[in-house]
N, C-alpha and C. Protein backbone atom coordinates (compact mmCIF):
# COMPACT_ATOMS: atom_id res chain seq x y z
N MET A 1 128.72 74.77 76.42
CA MET A 1 127.62 75.52 77.01
C MET A 1 126.90 76.35 75.95
N ALA A 2 127.69 76.99 75.08
CA ALA A 2 127.10 77.82 74.03
C ALA A 2 126.27 76.97 73.08
N GLN A 3 126.75 75.74 72.78
CA GLN A 3 126.00 74.87 71.89
C GLN A 3 124.69 74.43 72.54
N GLU A 4 124.73 74.16 73.84
CA GLU A 4 123.52 73.76 74.56
C GLU A 4 122.51 74.90 74.57
N LEU A 5 123.02 76.14 74.76
CA LEU A 5 122.15 77.30 74.77
C LEU A 5 121.51 77.51 73.41
N ALA A 6 122.32 77.36 72.35
CA ALA A 6 121.81 77.53 71.00
C ALA A 6 120.73 76.50 70.70
N ALA A 7 120.90 75.29 71.21
CA ALA A 7 119.93 74.23 70.95
C ALA A 7 118.60 74.51 71.63
N ALA A 8 118.61 75.37 72.66
CA ALA A 8 117.38 75.67 73.39
C ALA A 8 116.53 76.72 72.71
N TYR A 9 117.10 77.40 71.72
CA TYR A 9 116.35 78.45 71.05
C TYR A 9 115.28 77.86 70.13
N HIS A 10 114.14 78.54 70.06
CA HIS A 10 113.10 78.15 69.12
C HIS A 10 113.61 78.46 67.71
N PRO A 11 113.48 77.53 66.77
CA PRO A 11 114.05 77.75 65.43
C PRO A 11 113.49 78.97 64.71
N ALA A 12 112.25 79.35 65.01
CA ALA A 12 111.66 80.51 64.33
C ALA A 12 112.05 81.83 65.00
N PHE A 13 112.67 81.74 66.17
CA PHE A 13 113.05 82.94 66.92
C PHE A 13 114.48 82.79 67.43
N ASN A 14 115.41 82.86 66.50
CA ASN A 14 116.82 82.70 66.85
C ASN A 14 117.70 83.54 65.94
N ALA A 15 117.27 84.79 65.72
CA ALA A 15 118.07 85.68 64.88
C ALA A 15 119.34 86.07 65.62
N PRO A 16 120.51 85.84 65.03
CA PRO A 16 121.79 86.09 65.72
C PRO A 16 121.97 87.53 66.17
N ASP A 17 121.40 88.48 65.41
CA ASP A 17 121.61 89.89 65.75
C ASP A 17 120.48 90.46 66.61
N ALA A 18 119.54 89.62 67.03
CA ALA A 18 118.43 90.09 67.88
C ALA A 18 118.93 90.33 69.30
N ASP A 19 118.30 91.28 69.98
CA ASP A 19 118.80 91.68 71.30
C ASP A 19 117.82 91.41 72.44
N ALA A 20 116.69 90.78 72.16
CA ALA A 20 115.72 90.46 73.21
C ALA A 20 115.55 88.96 73.31
N ILE A 21 115.63 88.43 74.51
CA ILE A 21 115.50 86.99 74.73
C ILE A 21 114.42 86.74 75.79
N LEU A 22 113.46 85.92 75.44
CA LEU A 22 112.41 85.51 76.37
C LEU A 22 112.56 84.02 76.63
N SER A 23 112.16 83.58 77.80
CA SER A 23 112.24 82.15 78.13
C SER A 23 110.89 81.67 78.64
N SER A 24 110.54 80.44 78.28
CA SER A 24 109.28 79.84 78.71
C SER A 24 109.54 78.79 79.78
N PRO A 25 108.49 78.34 80.50
CA PRO A 25 108.67 77.27 81.49
C PRO A 25 109.08 75.95 80.86
N ASP A 26 108.97 75.85 79.53
CA ASP A 26 109.37 74.64 78.83
C ASP A 26 110.85 74.65 78.45
N SER A 27 111.60 75.60 79.01
CA SER A 27 113.05 75.73 78.76
C SER A 27 113.35 76.07 77.30
N THR A 28 112.44 76.78 76.67
CA THR A 28 112.66 77.24 75.30
C THR A 28 112.98 78.73 75.33
N LEU A 29 113.97 79.12 74.55
CA LEU A 29 114.36 80.53 74.46
C LEU A 29 113.87 81.12 73.14
N TYR A 30 113.44 82.36 73.20
CA TYR A 30 112.96 83.07 72.02
C TYR A 30 113.77 84.35 71.87
N ARG A 31 114.55 84.43 70.81
CA ARG A 31 115.38 85.61 70.58
C ARG A 31 114.82 86.37 69.38
N LEU A 32 114.49 87.63 69.58
CA LEU A 32 113.91 88.44 68.52
C LEU A 32 114.30 89.90 68.73
N PRO A 33 114.17 90.73 67.70
CA PRO A 33 114.55 92.14 67.83
C PRO A 33 113.67 92.86 68.86
N SER A 34 114.28 93.63 69.73
CA SER A 34 113.51 94.34 70.75
C SER A 34 112.50 95.32 70.16
N PRO A 35 112.77 95.97 68.99
CA PRO A 35 111.75 96.88 68.44
C PRO A 35 110.42 96.19 68.17
N VAL A 36 110.45 94.90 67.87
CA VAL A 36 109.20 94.17 67.65
C VAL A 36 108.35 94.20 68.91
N LEU A 37 108.99 93.95 70.05
CA LEU A 37 108.26 93.95 71.32
C LEU A 37 107.88 95.37 71.75
N ARG A 38 108.79 96.31 71.53
CA ARG A 38 108.52 97.69 71.95
C ARG A 38 107.37 98.31 71.15
N CYS A 39 107.31 97.99 69.87
CA CYS A 39 106.32 98.63 69.00
C CYS A 39 104.95 97.96 69.06
N THR A 40 104.88 96.75 69.57
CA THR A 40 103.61 96.02 69.56
C THR A 40 103.00 95.83 70.94
N THR A 41 103.72 96.21 71.99
CA THR A 41 103.19 96.06 73.35
C THR A 41 103.51 97.30 74.18
N THR A 42 102.66 97.57 75.14
CA THR A 42 102.95 98.66 76.08
C THR A 42 103.85 98.16 77.21
N PHE A 43 103.80 96.86 77.47
CA PHE A 43 104.59 96.28 78.55
C PHE A 43 106.08 96.44 78.28
N PHE A 44 106.53 96.05 77.09
CA PHE A 44 107.95 96.12 76.77
C PHE A 44 108.37 97.50 76.27
N ALA A 45 107.40 98.37 76.03
CA ALA A 45 107.74 99.74 75.62
C ALA A 45 108.16 100.59 76.81
N SER A 46 108.00 100.06 78.02
CA SER A 46 108.37 100.79 79.23
C SER A 46 109.87 101.10 79.24
N PRO A 47 110.24 102.31 79.66
CA PRO A 47 111.67 102.67 79.73
C PRO A 47 112.46 101.79 80.69
N SER A 48 111.77 101.09 81.58
CA SER A 48 112.47 100.24 82.55
C SER A 48 113.07 99.00 81.91
N PHE A 49 112.66 98.70 80.67
CA PHE A 49 113.21 97.53 79.99
C PHE A 49 114.36 97.95 79.07
N THR A 50 115.46 97.28 79.23
CA THR A 50 116.60 97.50 78.33
C THR A 50 117.01 96.17 77.72
N PHE A 51 117.21 96.18 76.42
CA PHE A 51 117.61 94.97 75.71
C PHE A 51 119.02 95.17 75.14
N GLU A 52 119.98 95.21 76.02
CA GLU A 52 121.36 95.40 75.59
C GLU A 52 122.09 94.07 75.66
N PRO A 53 122.75 93.70 74.57
CA PRO A 53 123.48 92.42 74.58
C PRO A 53 124.66 92.47 75.55
N PRO A 54 125.01 91.37 76.22
CA PRO A 54 124.23 90.12 76.15
C PRO A 54 122.99 90.20 77.04
N SER A 55 121.82 90.04 76.46
CA SER A 55 120.57 90.17 77.20
C SER A 55 120.31 88.94 78.06
N LYS A 56 119.94 89.18 79.30
CA LYS A 56 119.56 88.08 80.17
C LYS A 56 118.14 87.66 79.81
N PRO A 57 117.87 86.36 79.66
CA PRO A 57 116.52 85.91 79.29
C PRO A 57 115.47 86.44 80.26
N ILE A 58 114.39 86.95 79.71
CA ILE A 58 113.27 87.44 80.51
C ILE A 58 112.26 86.31 80.65
N PRO A 59 111.99 85.85 81.87
CA PRO A 59 111.06 84.73 82.04
C PRO A 59 109.61 85.14 81.76
N VAL A 60 108.93 84.30 81.01
CA VAL A 60 107.50 84.48 80.74
C VAL A 60 106.79 83.25 81.28
N HIS A 61 105.81 83.44 82.13
CA HIS A 61 105.17 82.31 82.80
C HIS A 61 104.03 81.73 81.97
N GLU A 62 104.29 81.52 80.70
CA GLU A 62 103.34 80.86 79.81
C GLU A 62 104.10 79.81 79.01
N HIS A 63 103.46 78.68 78.76
CA HIS A 63 104.11 77.60 78.04
C HIS A 63 104.24 77.94 76.55
N ASP A 64 105.02 77.13 75.87
CA ASP A 64 105.33 77.39 74.46
C ASP A 64 104.09 77.54 73.60
N ILE A 65 103.06 76.73 73.86
CA ILE A 65 101.87 76.76 73.01
C ILE A 65 101.23 78.14 73.00
N VAL A 66 101.39 78.87 74.09
CA VAL A 66 100.84 80.23 74.19
C VAL A 66 101.86 81.27 73.74
N LEU A 67 103.06 81.20 74.28
CA LEU A 67 104.08 82.21 74.00
C LEU A 67 104.46 82.23 72.53
N GLU A 68 104.66 81.06 71.95
CA GLU A 68 105.05 81.02 70.53
C GLU A 68 103.99 81.66 69.65
N ARG A 69 102.73 81.34 69.90
CA ARG A 69 101.66 81.88 69.06
C ARG A 69 101.58 83.40 69.17
N LEU A 70 101.71 83.92 70.38
CA LEU A 70 101.64 85.37 70.52
C LEU A 70 102.83 86.04 69.83
N LEU A 71 104.01 85.48 69.99
CA LEU A 71 105.19 86.07 69.33
C LEU A 71 105.06 85.99 67.81
N ARG A 72 104.45 84.94 67.31
CA ARG A 72 104.21 84.84 65.87
C ARG A 72 103.27 85.95 65.40
N ILE A 73 102.23 86.21 66.18
CA ILE A 73 101.30 87.28 65.83
C ILE A 73 102.01 88.63 65.84
N LEU A 74 102.79 88.88 66.89
CA LEU A 74 103.50 90.16 67.00
C LEU A 74 104.54 90.33 65.91
N SER A 75 105.10 89.22 65.44
CA SER A 75 106.17 89.27 64.43
C SER A 75 105.63 89.16 63.01
N GLY A 76 104.34 88.97 62.86
CA GLY A 76 103.76 88.84 61.53
C GLY A 76 104.05 87.52 60.87
N LEU A 77 104.28 86.48 61.66
CA LEU A 77 104.56 85.15 61.12
C LEU A 77 103.28 84.32 61.04
N ALA A 78 103.34 83.25 60.25
CA ALA A 78 102.19 82.36 60.12
C ALA A 78 101.87 81.71 61.47
N ILE A 79 100.58 81.53 61.72
CA ILE A 79 100.11 80.94 62.98
C ILE A 79 99.61 79.53 62.70
N PRO A 80 100.09 78.53 63.44
CA PRO A 80 99.59 77.16 63.24
C PRO A 80 98.10 77.08 63.55
N PRO A 81 97.41 76.08 63.02
CA PRO A 81 95.98 75.92 63.32
C PRO A 81 95.75 75.84 64.83
N TRP A 82 94.67 76.45 65.27
CA TRP A 82 94.34 76.42 66.69
C TRP A 82 93.88 75.03 67.09
N ARG A 83 94.30 74.57 68.25
CA ARG A 83 93.96 73.22 68.72
C ARG A 83 92.79 73.22 69.68
N THR A 84 92.83 74.10 70.67
CA THR A 84 91.79 74.10 71.69
C THR A 84 91.41 75.53 72.06
N PHE A 85 90.27 75.66 72.72
CA PHE A 85 89.83 76.96 73.20
C PHE A 85 90.77 77.46 74.30
N ASP A 86 91.32 76.54 75.08
CA ASP A 86 92.25 76.94 76.15
C ASP A 86 93.47 77.65 75.57
N ASP A 87 93.96 77.17 74.42
CA ASP A 87 95.10 77.82 73.78
C ASP A 87 94.76 79.26 73.41
N LEU A 88 93.58 79.44 72.83
CA LEU A 88 93.15 80.78 72.43
C LEU A 88 93.03 81.70 73.64
N GLU A 89 92.43 81.20 74.72
CA GLU A 89 92.28 82.02 75.92
C GLU A 89 93.63 82.38 76.52
N GLY A 90 94.58 81.46 76.46
CA GLY A 90 95.91 81.73 76.99
C GLY A 90 96.61 82.83 76.22
N VAL A 91 96.52 82.77 74.89
CA VAL A 91 97.16 83.79 74.05
C VAL A 91 96.48 85.14 74.28
N LEU A 92 95.17 85.14 74.34
CA LEU A 92 94.44 86.39 74.55
C LEU A 92 94.77 87.00 75.91
N SER A 93 94.89 86.16 76.92
CA SER A 93 95.23 86.65 78.26
C SER A 93 96.62 87.28 78.29
N LEU A 94 97.59 86.62 77.66
CA LEU A 94 98.95 87.16 77.63
C LEU A 94 99.00 88.44 76.82
N ALA A 95 98.28 88.48 75.71
CA ALA A 95 98.25 89.69 74.88
C ALA A 95 97.66 90.86 75.67
N GLU A 96 96.64 90.58 76.46
CA GLU A 96 96.03 91.62 77.28
C GLU A 96 97.00 92.10 78.35
N THR A 97 97.71 91.16 78.98
CA THR A 97 98.69 91.51 80.02
C THR A 97 99.80 92.38 79.45
N TRP A 98 100.26 92.06 78.27
CA TRP A 98 101.34 92.82 77.65
C TRP A 98 100.86 94.13 77.03
N GLY A 99 99.56 94.32 76.93
CA GLY A 99 99.06 95.51 76.26
C GLY A 99 99.29 95.45 74.76
N ALA A 100 99.16 94.26 74.20
CA ALA A 100 99.36 94.06 72.76
C ALA A 100 98.03 94.22 72.03
N LYS A 101 97.62 95.45 71.81
CA LYS A 101 96.30 95.73 71.25
C LYS A 101 96.12 95.11 69.86
N GLY A 102 97.17 95.16 69.05
CA GLY A 102 97.07 94.58 67.71
C GLY A 102 96.81 93.09 67.77
N ALA A 103 97.48 92.41 68.69
CA ALA A 103 97.26 90.97 68.84
C ALA A 103 95.85 90.68 69.33
N VAL A 104 95.34 91.51 70.24
CA VAL A 104 93.97 91.34 70.72
C VAL A 104 92.99 91.49 69.56
N ASP A 105 93.24 92.44 68.67
CA ASP A 105 92.37 92.63 67.51
C ASP A 105 92.42 91.41 66.60
N VAL A 106 93.59 90.81 66.46
CA VAL A 106 93.71 89.58 65.66
C VAL A 106 92.87 88.47 66.28
N MET A 107 92.93 88.35 67.60
CA MET A 107 92.16 87.33 68.29
C MET A 107 90.66 87.56 68.14
N ARG A 108 90.28 88.81 68.05
CA ARG A 108 88.85 89.11 67.85
C ARG A 108 88.36 88.53 66.52
N GLY A 109 89.21 88.59 65.51
CA GLY A 109 88.82 88.04 64.22
C GLY A 109 88.80 86.53 64.18
N VAL A 110 89.44 85.91 65.15
CA VAL A 110 89.55 84.45 65.19
C VAL A 110 88.45 83.81 66.02
N ILE A 111 87.96 84.52 67.02
CA ILE A 111 87.15 83.90 68.07
C ILE A 111 85.82 83.35 67.58
N THR A 112 85.31 83.84 66.45
CA THR A 112 84.04 83.33 65.95
C THR A 112 84.21 82.26 64.88
N ALA A 113 85.41 81.70 64.79
CA ALA A 113 85.62 80.58 63.88
C ALA A 113 84.76 79.40 64.33
N PRO A 114 84.31 78.55 63.40
CA PRO A 114 83.43 77.43 63.76
C PRO A 114 83.98 76.56 64.88
N VAL A 115 85.29 76.35 64.92
CA VAL A 115 85.86 75.49 65.96
C VAL A 115 85.63 76.06 67.35
N PHE A 116 85.58 77.37 67.48
CA PHE A 116 85.37 77.99 68.79
C PHE A 116 83.88 78.18 69.11
N LEU A 117 83.06 78.36 68.08
CA LEU A 117 81.62 78.51 68.31
C LEU A 117 80.98 77.20 68.76
N GLN A 118 81.75 76.12 68.75
CA GLN A 118 81.25 74.88 69.35
C GLN A 118 81.12 75.03 70.87
N GLU A 119 81.78 76.06 71.42
CA GLU A 119 81.65 76.39 72.84
C GLU A 119 81.15 77.83 72.94
N PRO A 120 79.90 78.07 72.55
CA PRO A 120 79.41 79.45 72.43
C PRO A 120 79.38 80.23 73.73
N LEU A 121 79.22 79.56 74.86
CA LEU A 121 79.21 80.30 76.13
C LEU A 121 80.57 80.90 76.43
N ARG A 122 81.63 80.20 76.08
CA ARG A 122 82.97 80.74 76.31
C ARG A 122 83.24 81.91 75.36
N VAL A 123 82.77 81.77 74.12
CA VAL A 123 82.92 82.88 73.17
C VAL A 123 82.14 84.09 73.67
N TYR A 124 80.92 83.85 74.14
CA TYR A 124 80.07 84.94 74.63
C TYR A 124 80.72 85.63 75.83
N ALA A 125 81.33 84.84 76.71
CA ALA A 125 81.97 85.41 77.89
C ALA A 125 83.12 86.34 77.50
N ILE A 126 83.97 85.89 76.59
CA ILE A 126 85.11 86.70 76.17
C ILE A 126 84.64 87.94 75.42
N ALA A 127 83.72 87.75 74.47
CA ALA A 127 83.23 88.88 73.68
C ALA A 127 82.56 89.92 74.58
N SER A 128 81.84 89.47 75.59
CA SER A 128 81.18 90.41 76.51
C SER A 128 82.21 91.17 77.34
N ARG A 129 83.23 90.47 77.77
CA ARG A 129 84.25 91.11 78.61
C ARG A 129 85.01 92.20 77.85
N PHE A 130 85.25 91.96 76.55
CA PHE A 130 86.00 92.92 75.75
C PHE A 130 85.09 93.94 75.06
N GLY A 131 83.78 93.78 75.21
CA GLY A 131 82.86 94.71 74.57
C GLY A 131 82.71 94.50 73.08
N TRP A 132 82.92 93.27 72.62
CA TRP A 132 82.78 92.94 71.20
C TRP A 132 81.32 92.57 70.93
N GLU A 133 80.51 93.55 70.56
CA GLU A 133 79.06 93.35 70.47
C GLU A 133 78.66 92.37 69.37
N GLU A 134 79.24 92.50 68.18
CA GLU A 134 78.86 91.61 67.08
C GLU A 134 79.20 90.16 67.41
N GLU A 135 80.36 89.96 67.98
CA GLU A 135 80.78 88.60 68.33
C GLU A 135 79.90 88.03 69.45
N ALA A 136 79.54 88.87 70.41
CA ALA A 136 78.67 88.42 71.50
C ALA A 136 77.29 88.05 70.98
N GLU A 137 76.79 88.84 70.05
CA GLU A 137 75.46 88.55 69.48
C GLU A 137 75.47 87.23 68.72
N LEU A 138 76.52 87.01 67.93
CA LEU A 138 76.62 85.75 67.18
C LEU A 138 76.71 84.57 68.14
N ALA A 139 77.52 84.71 69.17
CA ALA A 139 77.68 83.62 70.14
C ALA A 139 76.36 83.34 70.86
N SER A 140 75.60 84.39 71.17
CA SER A 140 74.34 84.20 71.88
C SER A 140 73.37 83.36 71.06
N LYS A 141 73.38 83.54 69.75
CA LYS A 141 72.50 82.74 68.90
C LYS A 141 72.88 81.26 68.95
N HIS A 142 74.17 81.00 69.06
CA HIS A 142 74.63 79.61 69.11
C HIS A 142 74.36 78.97 70.47
N THR A 143 73.97 79.76 71.46
CA THR A 143 73.64 79.18 72.77
C THR A 143 72.20 78.70 72.84
N LEU A 144 71.41 78.97 71.82
CA LEU A 144 69.99 78.66 71.89
C LEU A 144 69.72 77.16 71.93
N ASP A 145 70.68 76.36 71.51
CA ASP A 145 70.51 74.91 71.60
C ASP A 145 70.85 74.38 72.99
N LEU A 146 71.30 75.24 73.87
CA LEU A 146 71.74 74.82 75.20
C LEU A 146 70.67 75.11 76.25
N SER A 147 70.61 74.27 77.25
CA SER A 147 69.79 74.53 78.43
C SER A 147 70.72 75.14 79.48
N LEU A 148 70.58 76.43 79.70
CA LEU A 148 71.53 77.16 80.54
C LEU A 148 71.54 76.69 81.99
N HIS A 149 70.50 75.99 82.40
CA HIS A 149 70.42 75.57 83.80
C HIS A 149 71.11 74.23 84.06
N GLU A 150 71.60 73.58 83.01
CA GLU A 150 72.27 72.30 83.21
C GLU A 150 73.61 72.50 83.90
N GLU A 151 73.97 71.54 84.72
CA GLU A 151 75.18 71.64 85.53
C GLU A 151 76.43 71.79 84.68
N GLN A 152 76.46 71.16 83.53
CA GLN A 152 77.66 71.18 82.69
C GLN A 152 78.02 72.57 82.19
N HIS A 153 77.07 73.51 82.23
CA HIS A 153 77.33 74.86 81.73
C HIS A 153 77.65 75.86 82.84
N GLN A 154 77.60 75.44 84.09
CA GLN A 154 77.72 76.40 85.18
C GLN A 154 79.09 77.07 85.24
N GLU A 155 80.14 76.33 84.96
CA GLU A 155 81.49 76.92 84.99
C GLU A 155 81.63 77.99 83.92
N ALA A 156 81.11 77.72 82.72
CA ALA A 156 81.18 78.71 81.64
C ALA A 156 80.34 79.94 81.98
N LEU A 157 79.20 79.73 82.61
CA LEU A 157 78.33 80.86 82.96
C LEU A 157 78.98 81.76 84.00
N ARG A 158 79.76 81.18 84.90
CA ARG A 158 80.42 81.98 85.93
C ARG A 158 81.45 82.94 85.35
N ARG A 159 81.92 82.67 84.15
CA ARG A 159 82.91 83.54 83.52
C ARG A 159 82.29 84.74 82.82
N ILE A 160 80.98 84.73 82.67
CA ILE A 160 80.30 85.79 81.94
C ILE A 160 80.04 86.97 82.87
N PRO A 161 80.38 88.20 82.46
CA PRO A 161 80.07 89.38 83.29
C PRO A 161 78.58 89.42 83.64
N THR A 162 78.27 89.93 84.82
CA THR A 162 76.90 89.86 85.34
C THR A 162 75.87 90.45 84.38
N ARG A 163 76.12 91.64 83.88
CA ARG A 163 75.15 92.29 83.00
C ARG A 163 74.92 91.47 81.74
N ALA A 164 75.99 90.93 81.18
CA ALA A 164 75.86 90.12 79.97
C ALA A 164 75.13 88.81 80.26
N LEU A 165 75.36 88.26 81.45
CA LEU A 165 74.69 87.01 81.83
C LEU A 165 73.19 87.22 81.96
N VAL A 166 72.80 88.30 82.62
CA VAL A 166 71.37 88.61 82.76
C VAL A 166 70.75 88.81 81.38
N LYS A 167 71.47 89.48 80.51
CA LYS A 167 70.99 89.72 79.15
C LYS A 167 70.78 88.41 78.40
N LEU A 168 71.68 87.46 78.60
CA LEU A 168 71.58 86.17 77.92
C LEU A 168 70.37 85.39 78.43
N PHE A 169 70.17 85.36 79.74
CA PHE A 169 69.02 84.65 80.30
C PHE A 169 67.70 85.28 79.83
N LYS A 170 67.66 86.60 79.76
CA LYS A 170 66.45 87.27 79.27
C LYS A 170 66.19 86.92 77.81
N PHE A 171 67.26 86.82 77.03
CA PHE A 171 67.14 86.45 75.62
C PHE A 171 66.53 85.06 75.48
N HIS A 172 67.03 84.10 76.25
CA HIS A 172 66.49 82.74 76.20
C HIS A 172 65.03 82.72 76.65
N ARG A 173 64.72 83.45 77.71
CA ARG A 173 63.34 83.47 78.21
C ARG A 173 62.40 84.13 77.20
N LYS A 174 62.87 85.19 76.57
CA LYS A 174 62.06 85.89 75.58
C LYS A 174 61.74 84.97 74.41
N ARG A 175 62.71 84.21 73.96
CA ARG A 175 62.48 83.24 72.88
C ARG A 175 61.48 82.18 73.31
N ARG A 176 61.66 81.65 74.50
CA ARG A 176 60.78 80.59 75.00
C ARG A 176 59.34 81.09 75.11
N ASP A 177 59.17 82.27 75.72
CA ASP A 177 57.83 82.80 75.92
C ASP A 177 57.16 83.14 74.59
N ALA A 178 57.93 83.67 73.65
CA ALA A 178 57.37 84.01 72.35
C ALA A 178 56.92 82.76 71.60
N PHE A 179 57.70 81.69 71.73
CA PHE A 179 57.33 80.45 71.05
C PHE A 179 56.05 79.87 71.66
N ARG A 180 55.98 79.86 72.97
CA ARG A 180 54.78 79.33 73.63
C ARG A 180 53.55 80.14 73.27
N ALA A 181 53.70 81.46 73.24
CA ALA A 181 52.57 82.31 72.88
C ALA A 181 52.13 82.08 71.45
N GLY A 182 53.12 81.91 70.57
CA GLY A 182 52.79 81.68 69.17
C GLY A 182 52.06 80.38 68.94
N MET A 183 52.50 79.34 69.63
CA MET A 183 51.87 78.02 69.47
C MET A 183 50.48 77.99 70.10
N ALA A 184 50.28 78.77 71.14
CA ALA A 184 48.98 78.74 71.83
C ALA A 184 47.99 79.72 71.22
N GLY A 185 48.49 80.63 70.38
CA GLY A 185 47.62 81.68 69.87
C GLY A 185 47.12 81.43 68.48
N GLU A 186 47.91 81.81 67.50
CA GLU A 186 47.48 81.77 66.10
C GLU A 186 46.97 80.39 65.71
N GLY A 187 45.79 80.35 65.15
CA GLY A 187 45.25 79.10 64.64
C GLY A 187 44.57 78.26 65.68
N GLU A 188 44.46 78.75 66.94
CA GLU A 188 43.86 77.96 68.00
C GLU A 188 42.40 77.67 67.65
N GLY A 189 42.00 76.46 67.82
CA GLY A 189 40.63 76.08 67.55
C GLY A 189 40.42 75.58 66.14
N GLU A 190 41.43 75.72 65.27
CA GLU A 190 41.31 75.22 63.91
C GLU A 190 41.49 73.71 63.89
N GLY A 191 41.25 73.14 62.77
CA GLY A 191 41.38 71.70 62.64
C GLY A 191 40.01 71.04 62.80
N THR A 192 40.01 69.76 62.94
CA THR A 192 38.76 69.01 63.06
C THR A 192 38.66 68.38 64.43
N ARG A 193 37.50 67.89 64.75
CA ARG A 193 37.25 67.25 66.03
C ARG A 193 37.04 65.75 65.82
N CYS A 194 37.56 64.98 66.77
CA CYS A 194 37.35 63.53 66.73
C CYS A 194 35.88 63.24 67.01
N ALA A 195 35.25 62.45 66.14
CA ALA A 195 33.83 62.14 66.31
C ALA A 195 33.58 61.33 67.57
N GLY A 196 34.60 60.59 68.02
CA GLY A 196 34.42 59.73 69.19
C GLY A 196 34.57 60.47 70.51
N CYS A 197 35.67 61.25 70.66
CA CYS A 197 35.94 61.89 71.96
C CYS A 197 35.79 63.40 71.94
N GLY A 198 35.68 63.98 70.75
CA GLY A 198 35.50 65.42 70.66
C GLY A 198 36.76 66.24 70.78
N ARG A 199 37.93 65.58 70.91
CA ARG A 199 39.19 66.32 71.03
C ARG A 199 39.62 66.85 69.67
N ALA A 200 40.36 67.97 69.71
CA ALA A 200 40.82 68.57 68.46
C ALA A 200 41.88 67.69 67.81
N VAL A 201 41.79 67.55 66.51
CA VAL A 201 42.76 66.78 65.74
C VAL A 201 43.37 67.73 64.71
N TYR A 202 44.72 67.86 64.74
CA TYR A 202 45.40 68.78 63.84
C TYR A 202 46.14 68.01 62.75
N GLU A 203 46.12 68.58 61.58
CA GLU A 203 46.90 68.00 60.49
C GLU A 203 48.39 68.23 60.77
N ARG A 204 49.20 67.23 60.45
CA ARG A 204 50.65 67.32 60.71
C ARG A 204 51.26 68.53 60.00
N LEU A 205 50.93 68.74 58.74
CA LEU A 205 51.50 69.85 57.99
C LEU A 205 51.06 71.19 58.57
N GLU A 206 49.83 71.23 59.07
CA GLU A 206 49.34 72.46 59.68
C GLU A 206 50.15 72.81 60.92
N VAL A 207 50.41 71.79 61.75
CA VAL A 207 51.19 72.01 62.97
C VAL A 207 52.60 72.46 62.64
N LEU A 208 53.22 71.78 61.66
CA LEU A 208 54.58 72.14 61.27
C LEU A 208 54.65 73.57 60.74
N GLU A 209 53.63 73.97 60.00
CA GLU A 209 53.60 75.33 59.47
C GLU A 209 53.48 76.35 60.60
N ARG A 210 52.69 76.03 61.62
CA ARG A 210 52.57 76.92 62.76
C ARG A 210 53.90 77.03 63.50
N VAL A 211 54.59 75.90 63.65
CA VAL A 211 55.90 75.92 64.30
C VAL A 211 56.87 76.78 63.51
N ARG A 212 56.86 76.62 62.18
CA ARG A 212 57.77 77.40 61.34
C ARG A 212 57.50 78.90 61.49
N LYS A 213 56.23 79.29 61.48
CA LYS A 213 55.88 80.69 61.62
C LYS A 213 56.32 81.23 62.98
N CYS A 214 56.14 80.41 64.01
CA CYS A 214 56.56 80.84 65.35
C CYS A 214 58.06 81.05 65.41
N LEU A 215 58.81 80.11 64.83
CA LEU A 215 60.27 80.22 64.85
C LEU A 215 60.74 81.43 64.08
N ASP A 216 60.09 81.71 62.93
CA ASP A 216 60.49 82.86 62.13
C ASP A 216 60.25 84.17 62.88
N ALA A 217 59.25 84.17 63.75
CA ALA A 217 58.90 85.41 64.46
C ALA A 217 59.68 85.60 65.75
N LEU A 218 60.49 84.61 66.15
CA LEU A 218 61.20 84.71 67.42
C LEU A 218 62.32 85.74 67.35
N PRO A 219 62.61 86.44 68.44
CA PRO A 219 63.76 87.37 68.48
C PRO A 219 65.06 86.60 68.30
N ASP A 220 65.99 87.20 67.57
CA ASP A 220 67.25 86.50 67.31
C ASP A 220 68.47 87.28 67.75
N THR A 221 68.27 88.29 68.57
CA THR A 221 69.41 89.03 69.12
C THR A 221 69.19 89.25 70.61
N VAL A 222 70.32 89.34 71.34
CA VAL A 222 70.22 89.55 72.79
C VAL A 222 69.85 91.00 73.08
């Protein structure tokens, strides 16, 4: 029985003298010193928790992909490359539940990595919820290639706090209106007229230059 139990421990979290044991739904045990948990979370710092050997495993309702990463962050161990946005959200959610402020700060530094900015609406939702203004602003710029009214984005939009969502829609509308005004205004009436039909004919380079000027003048922050 003891050998079977030992085999269930995660190899990176199996210190013989550690007094805290956590278990995941994947039947993996994590044994680590209780001061690590007490000093890095408010959840385990509660006096109601005692880690006296032999400690009974404390069940954590998160799978290994989430629990291991958070414990690595709390323990100062190397973190494997992130695979999906769902993994990041899971770790951030557990860190928030445990009151692991240091881990949340680590996640803040990770969330604007290129792999996550491929889903800018999800980044914007998280950054807005936590009040991370710089990260939210960066994510909002990456949403400009998206049509917010498309069905595929509705689930991500529902996760965004109401005030932040209104702000994002206003940002997109402000950009659109400014571009239309710029294209319809400056330089209107320039160019030559077709001798046959009288319609205005614009040089390609002239039009491209007007587009460039309009884009340069567009607002770039929410």
